[in-house]
């Protein structure tokens, strides 16, 4: 049996960006936890969001749906949204479903924060 543990942490960077780090398995059992954190995260033109996936070990279609929901919320509120630390396996999934064309990726959180206007 796999360990269905998910850890989600949220920090506000001095730039005003919110960094949400996800570690573990993002699936139909754990996605409500991630959704709650994102629901409580400010999105807007002055509130960019970075979702760090570097420690994500598994993501099913329910997890992808949560990420798409975050993208839609960012788009609706004119917030900048970056996905960082994306594994090659997850990038293949994003490519297969076409999300690599709409999501904004940076290799690390630091790269994403440097990409924000000063």
N, C-alpha and C. Protein backbone atom coordinates (compact mmCIF):
# COMPACT_ATOMS: atom_id res chain seq x y z
N UNK A 1 0.84 -1.18 0.00
CA UNK A 1 0.00 0.00 0.00
C UNK A 1 0.89 1.24 0.00
N UNK A 2 0.51 2.23 -0.78
CA UNK A 2 1.32 3.44 -0.85
C UNK A 2 0.95 4.40 0.27
N UNK A 3 1.88 5.27 0.59
CA UNK A 3 1.67 6.30 1.59
C UNK A 3 1.02 7.48 0.90
N UNK A 4 -0.22 7.76 1.24
CA UNK A 4 -0.95 8.84 0.60
C UNK A 4 -0.82 10.13 1.40
N UNK A 5 0.38 10.47 1.76
CA UNK A 5 0.63 11.66 2.53
C UNK A 5 0.90 12.82 1.58
N UNK A 6 0.29 13.96 1.89
CA UNK A 6 0.55 15.18 1.16
C UNK A 6 0.82 16.27 2.18
N UNK A 7 1.87 17.03 1.93
CA UNK A 7 2.17 18.18 2.76
C UNK A 7 2.11 19.40 1.86
N UNK A 8 1.33 20.39 2.29
CA UNK A 8 1.22 21.64 1.55
C UNK A 8 1.57 22.76 2.50
N UNK A 9 2.55 23.57 2.11
CA UNK A 9 2.92 24.72 2.93
C UNK A 9 2.76 25.98 2.09
N UNK A 10 2.46 27.07 2.78
CA UNK A 10 2.27 28.34 2.10
C UNK A 10 3.07 29.41 2.83
N UNK A 11 3.84 30.19 2.06
CA UNK A 11 4.64 31.28 2.62
C UNK A 11 4.44 32.52 1.76
N UNK A 12 4.48 33.67 2.39
CA UNK A 12 4.45 34.92 1.65
C UNK A 12 5.87 35.43 1.52
N UNK A 13 6.30 35.62 0.29
CA UNK A 13 7.63 36.13 0.00
C UNK A 13 7.62 37.66 0.17
N UNK A 14 8.75 38.27 0.52
CA UNK A 14 8.80 39.73 0.65
C UNK A 14 8.33 40.48 -0.60
N UNK A 15 8.39 39.84 -1.76
CA UNK A 15 7.93 40.48 -3.00
C UNK A 15 6.42 40.59 -3.06
N UNK A 16 5.73 39.91 -2.14
CA UNK A 16 4.27 39.86 -2.17
C UNK A 16 3.73 38.59 -2.78
N UNK A 17 4.60 37.81 -3.41
CA UNK A 17 4.17 36.53 -3.99
C UNK A 17 3.90 35.52 -2.89
N UNK A 18 2.96 34.65 -3.16
CA UNK A 18 2.70 33.53 -2.27
C UNK A 18 3.33 32.29 -2.89
N UNK A 19 4.12 31.58 -2.10
CA UNK A 19 4.76 30.35 -2.55
C UNK A 19 4.06 29.19 -1.85
N UNK A 20 3.48 28.32 -2.66
CA UNK A 20 2.79 27.13 -2.15
C UNK A 20 3.63 25.92 -2.56
N UNK A 21 4.14 25.19 -1.58
CA UNK A 21 4.97 24.02 -1.85
C UNK A 21 4.16 22.76 -1.57
N UNK A 22 4.26 21.83 -2.50
CA UNK A 22 3.50 20.59 -2.42
C UNK A 22 4.48 19.42 -2.38
N UNK A 23 4.32 18.54 -1.40
CA UNK A 23 5.20 17.38 -1.27
C UNK A 23 4.35 16.13 -1.03
N UNK A 24 4.71 15.06 -1.72
CA UNK A 24 4.00 13.79 -1.54
C UNK A 24 3.11 13.48 -2.72
N UNK A 25 2.00 12.79 -2.44
CA UNK A 25 1.09 12.33 -3.48
C UNK A 25 -0.13 13.22 -3.57
N UNK A 26 -0.38 13.71 -4.77
CA UNK A 26 -1.56 14.54 -5.04
C UNK A 26 -2.54 13.69 -5.85
N UNK A 27 -3.55 13.20 -5.16
CA UNK A 27 -4.52 12.32 -5.81
C UNK A 27 -5.91 12.61 -5.26
N UNK A 28 -6.87 11.74 -5.58
CA UNK A 28 -8.25 12.00 -5.16
C UNK A 28 -8.42 11.97 -3.64
N UNK A 29 -7.50 11.36 -2.92
CA UNK A 29 -7.56 11.34 -1.46
C UNK A 29 -7.01 12.64 -0.86
N UNK A 30 -5.98 13.20 -1.49
CA UNK A 30 -5.28 14.34 -0.89
C UNK A 30 -5.59 15.68 -1.56
N UNK A 31 -6.20 15.66 -2.73
CA UNK A 31 -6.44 16.92 -3.44
C UNK A 31 -7.34 17.90 -2.67
N UNK A 32 -8.31 17.43 -1.85
CA UNK A 32 -9.09 18.42 -1.08
C UNK A 32 -8.21 19.27 -0.15
N UNK A 33 -7.18 18.68 0.40
CA UNK A 33 -6.26 19.43 1.27
C UNK A 33 -5.56 20.54 0.48
N UNK A 34 -5.06 20.21 -0.70
CA UNK A 34 -4.39 21.18 -1.55
C UNK A 34 -5.38 22.26 -2.00
N UNK A 35 -6.59 21.85 -2.35
CA UNK A 35 -7.62 22.81 -2.77
C UNK A 35 -7.94 23.82 -1.67
N UNK A 36 -8.01 23.35 -0.43
CA UNK A 36 -8.30 24.27 0.69
C UNK A 36 -7.21 25.31 0.84
N UNK A 37 -5.96 24.90 0.71
CA UNK A 37 -4.86 25.86 0.81
C UNK A 37 -4.96 26.88 -0.32
N UNK A 38 -5.22 26.41 -1.54
CA UNK A 38 -5.33 27.34 -2.67
C UNK A 38 -6.54 28.26 -2.51
N UNK A 39 -7.64 27.75 -1.97
CA UNK A 39 -8.82 28.59 -1.73
C UNK A 39 -8.50 29.74 -0.79
N UNK A 40 -7.60 29.51 0.16
CA UNK A 40 -7.22 30.53 1.14
C UNK A 40 -6.03 31.38 0.68
N UNK A 41 -5.55 31.15 -0.52
CA UNK A 41 -4.41 31.88 -1.06
C UNK A 41 -4.89 33.06 -1.87
N UNK A 42 -4.35 34.26 -1.60
CA UNK A 42 -4.76 35.42 -2.41
C UNK A 42 -4.20 35.32 -3.83
N UNK A 43 -5.02 35.62 -4.81
CA UNK A 43 -4.63 35.69 -6.22
C UNK A 43 -5.03 37.08 -6.71
N UNK A 44 -4.19 37.72 -7.46
CA UNK A 44 -4.54 39.01 -8.04
C UNK A 44 -3.34 39.65 -8.70
N UNK A 45 -3.55 40.81 -9.34
CA UNK A 45 -2.46 41.47 -10.06
C UNK A 45 -1.26 41.78 -9.16
N UNK A 46 -1.52 42.07 -7.92
CA UNK A 46 -0.43 42.36 -6.97
C UNK A 46 -0.13 41.17 -6.07
N UNK A 47 -0.73 40.02 -6.38
CA UNK A 47 -0.55 38.82 -5.56
C UNK A 47 -0.22 37.62 -6.44
N UNK A 48 1.00 37.56 -6.99
CA UNK A 48 1.38 36.40 -7.79
C UNK A 48 1.51 35.15 -6.93
N UNK A 49 1.38 34.01 -7.59
CA UNK A 49 1.44 32.72 -6.88
C UNK A 49 2.46 31.82 -7.58
N UNK A 50 3.28 31.18 -6.76
CA UNK A 50 4.24 30.19 -7.24
C UNK A 50 3.86 28.86 -6.60
N UNK A 51 3.63 27.87 -7.42
CA UNK A 51 3.33 26.52 -6.91
C UNK A 51 4.56 25.67 -7.17
N UNK A 52 5.23 25.28 -6.09
CA UNK A 52 6.47 24.51 -6.15
C UNK A 52 6.13 23.02 -6.08
N UNK A 53 6.40 22.32 -7.17
CA UNK A 53 6.08 20.89 -7.28
C UNK A 53 7.31 20.00 -7.15
N UNK A 54 8.42 20.56 -6.70
CA UNK A 54 9.69 19.82 -6.66
C UNK A 54 9.61 18.54 -5.83
N UNK A 55 8.80 18.53 -4.79
CA UNK A 55 8.72 17.37 -3.90
C UNK A 55 7.47 16.52 -4.16
N UNK A 56 6.77 16.81 -5.25
CA UNK A 56 5.58 16.03 -5.61
C UNK A 56 6.04 14.69 -6.17
N UNK A 57 5.55 13.60 -5.59
CA UNK A 57 5.98 12.27 -6.03
C UNK A 57 4.97 11.58 -6.92
N UNK A 58 3.71 12.05 -6.91
CA UNK A 58 2.66 11.43 -7.72
C UNK A 58 1.56 12.45 -7.93
N UNK A 59 0.96 12.44 -9.11
CA UNK A 59 -0.17 13.33 -9.39
C UNK A 59 -1.12 12.62 -10.34
N UNK A 60 -2.36 12.41 -9.91
CA UNK A 60 -3.35 11.78 -10.78
C UNK A 60 -4.21 12.86 -11.43
N UNK A 61 -5.25 12.45 -12.14
CA UNK A 61 -6.09 13.41 -12.86
C UNK A 61 -6.80 14.38 -11.91
N UNK A 62 -7.10 13.94 -10.70
CA UNK A 62 -7.72 14.84 -9.73
C UNK A 62 -6.75 15.94 -9.34
N UNK A 63 -5.49 15.60 -9.18
CA UNK A 63 -4.46 16.60 -8.88
C UNK A 63 -4.29 17.56 -10.03
N UNK A 64 -4.30 17.06 -11.27
CA UNK A 64 -4.21 17.93 -12.44
C UNK A 64 -5.39 18.91 -12.45
N UNK A 65 -6.56 18.43 -12.07
CA UNK A 65 -7.74 19.30 -12.02
C UNK A 65 -7.53 20.44 -11.03
N UNK A 66 -6.93 20.16 -9.89
CA UNK A 66 -6.65 21.22 -8.90
C UNK A 66 -5.68 22.24 -9.49
N UNK A 67 -4.68 21.79 -10.21
CA UNK A 67 -3.73 22.70 -10.83
C UNK A 67 -4.39 23.55 -11.92
N UNK A 68 -5.28 22.94 -12.70
CA UNK A 68 -6.01 23.69 -13.72
C UNK A 68 -6.94 24.71 -13.06
N UNK A 69 -7.55 24.34 -11.95
CA UNK A 69 -8.40 25.28 -11.22
C UNK A 69 -7.59 26.48 -10.73
N UNK A 70 -6.37 26.24 -10.26
CA UNK A 70 -5.50 27.34 -9.84
C UNK A 70 -5.18 28.23 -11.03
N UNK A 71 -4.90 27.63 -12.18
CA UNK A 71 -4.63 28.40 -13.39
C UNK A 71 -5.84 29.26 -13.76
N UNK A 72 -7.01 28.67 -13.73
CA UNK A 72 -8.23 29.43 -14.08
C UNK A 72 -8.46 30.59 -13.12
N UNK A 73 -8.21 30.35 -11.85
CA UNK A 73 -8.37 31.42 -10.85
C UNK A 73 -7.36 32.53 -11.10
N UNK A 74 -6.12 32.16 -11.39
CA UNK A 74 -5.09 33.17 -11.68
C UNK A 74 -5.49 33.97 -12.92
N UNK A 75 -5.95 33.29 -13.95
CA UNK A 75 -6.36 33.97 -15.17
C UNK A 75 -7.53 34.93 -14.90
N UNK A 76 -8.50 34.49 -14.13
CA UNK A 76 -9.68 35.31 -13.84
C UNK A 76 -9.35 36.54 -12.99
N UNK A 77 -8.29 36.46 -12.19
CA UNK A 77 -7.93 37.56 -11.30
C UNK A 77 -6.71 38.34 -11.77
N UNK A 78 -6.22 38.03 -12.97
CA UNK A 78 -5.02 38.66 -13.54
C UNK A 78 -3.78 38.47 -12.67
N UNK A 79 -3.72 37.33 -12.01
CA UNK A 79 -2.55 37.01 -11.17
C UNK A 79 -1.52 36.27 -12.01
N UNK A 80 -0.26 36.52 -11.74
CA UNK A 80 0.81 35.71 -12.33
C UNK A 80 0.85 34.39 -11.57
N UNK A 81 0.98 33.29 -12.29
CA UNK A 81 1.05 31.97 -11.69
C UNK A 81 2.20 31.21 -12.34
N UNK A 82 3.09 30.70 -11.50
CA UNK A 82 4.22 29.91 -11.97
C UNK A 82 4.16 28.54 -11.33
N UNK A 83 4.56 27.53 -12.10
CA UNK A 83 4.77 26.19 -11.59
C UNK A 83 6.26 25.93 -11.63
N UNK A 84 6.83 25.49 -10.52
CA UNK A 84 8.28 25.29 -10.45
C UNK A 84 8.60 23.87 -9.99
N UNK A 85 9.82 23.45 -10.28
CA UNK A 85 10.30 22.15 -9.81
C UNK A 85 9.57 20.98 -10.42
N UNK A 86 9.03 21.16 -11.59
CA UNK A 86 8.22 20.11 -12.22
C UNK A 86 9.10 18.99 -12.73
N UNK A 87 8.81 17.77 -12.30
CA UNK A 87 9.60 16.61 -12.73
C UNK A 87 9.41 16.34 -14.21
N UNK A 88 10.34 15.61 -14.80
CA UNK A 88 10.22 15.27 -16.22
C UNK A 88 8.98 14.41 -16.47
N UNK A 89 8.65 13.54 -15.53
CA UNK A 89 7.44 12.71 -15.69
C UNK A 89 6.19 13.59 -15.72
N UNK A 90 6.09 14.53 -14.79
CA UNK A 90 4.91 15.40 -14.75
C UNK A 90 4.88 16.31 -15.98
N UNK A 91 6.03 16.76 -16.45
CA UNK A 91 6.06 17.56 -17.67
C UNK A 91 5.55 16.77 -18.87
N UNK A 92 5.86 15.47 -18.91
CA UNK A 92 5.33 14.64 -20.00
C UNK A 92 3.81 14.58 -19.92
N UNK A 93 3.27 14.47 -18.72
CA UNK A 93 1.81 14.47 -18.56
C UNK A 93 1.24 15.80 -19.02
N UNK A 94 1.85 16.92 -18.58
CA UNK A 94 1.38 18.24 -19.00
C UNK A 94 1.43 18.37 -20.53
N UNK A 95 2.50 17.85 -21.13
CA UNK A 95 2.63 17.91 -22.58
C UNK A 95 1.52 17.08 -23.25
N UNK A 96 1.27 15.89 -22.73
CA UNK A 96 0.27 15.00 -23.31
C UNK A 96 -1.12 15.65 -23.31
N UNK A 97 -1.45 16.36 -22.24
CA UNK A 97 -2.79 16.96 -22.14
C UNK A 97 -2.82 18.42 -22.61
N UNK A 98 -1.67 18.94 -23.07
CA UNK A 98 -1.61 20.28 -23.62
C UNK A 98 -1.42 21.40 -22.61
N UNK A 99 -1.22 21.07 -21.35
CA UNK A 99 -1.05 22.11 -20.33
C UNK A 99 0.31 22.79 -20.42
N UNK A 100 1.26 22.16 -21.07
CA UNK A 100 2.57 22.80 -21.25
C UNK A 100 2.46 24.04 -22.12
N UNK A 101 1.36 24.18 -22.86
CA UNK A 101 1.15 25.35 -23.72
C UNK A 101 0.52 26.52 -22.97
N UNK A 102 -0.12 26.25 -21.82
CA UNK A 102 -0.80 27.34 -21.11
C UNK A 102 -0.20 27.66 -19.75
N UNK A 103 0.38 26.69 -19.08
CA UNK A 103 1.02 26.94 -17.79
C UNK A 103 2.35 27.64 -18.00
N UNK A 104 2.77 28.41 -17.01
CA UNK A 104 4.07 29.06 -17.02
C UNK A 104 4.99 28.30 -16.07
N UNK A 105 6.10 27.82 -16.59
CA UNK A 105 7.03 27.01 -15.80
C UNK A 105 8.35 27.75 -15.61
N UNK A 106 8.91 27.57 -14.45
CA UNK A 106 10.27 28.01 -14.15
C UNK A 106 10.95 26.84 -13.45
N UNK A 107 12.27 26.70 -13.59
CA UNK A 107 12.92 25.54 -12.99
C UNK A 107 12.85 25.54 -11.47
N UNK A 108 12.95 26.72 -10.86
CA UNK A 108 12.94 26.81 -9.39
C UNK A 108 12.07 27.97 -8.95
N UNK A 109 11.74 27.96 -7.67
CA UNK A 109 11.00 29.07 -7.09
C UNK A 109 11.78 30.37 -7.23
N UNK A 110 13.08 30.30 -7.03
CA UNK A 110 13.92 31.49 -7.15
C UNK A 110 13.84 32.09 -8.55
N UNK A 111 13.84 31.24 -9.56
CA UNK A 111 13.70 31.72 -10.95
C UNK A 111 12.35 32.41 -11.13
N UNK A 112 11.30 31.82 -10.59
CA UNK A 112 9.96 32.41 -10.73
C UNK A 112 9.91 33.77 -10.05
N UNK A 113 10.48 33.88 -8.86
CA UNK A 113 10.44 35.15 -8.14
C UNK A 113 11.26 36.21 -8.87
N UNK A 114 12.36 35.82 -9.52
CA UNK A 114 13.16 36.78 -10.28
C UNK A 114 12.42 37.22 -11.55
N UNK A 115 11.49 36.41 -12.04
CA UNK A 115 10.73 36.74 -13.25
C UNK A 115 9.63 37.75 -12.98
N UNK A 116 9.35 38.02 -11.71
CA UNK A 116 8.31 38.99 -11.35
C UNK A 116 8.84 40.40 -11.53
N UNK A 117 7.97 41.34 -11.92
CA UNK A 117 8.42 42.73 -12.01
C UNK A 117 8.84 43.25 -10.66
N UNK A 118 9.86 44.09 -10.65
CA UNK A 118 10.36 44.66 -9.40
C UNK A 118 9.51 45.82 -8.93
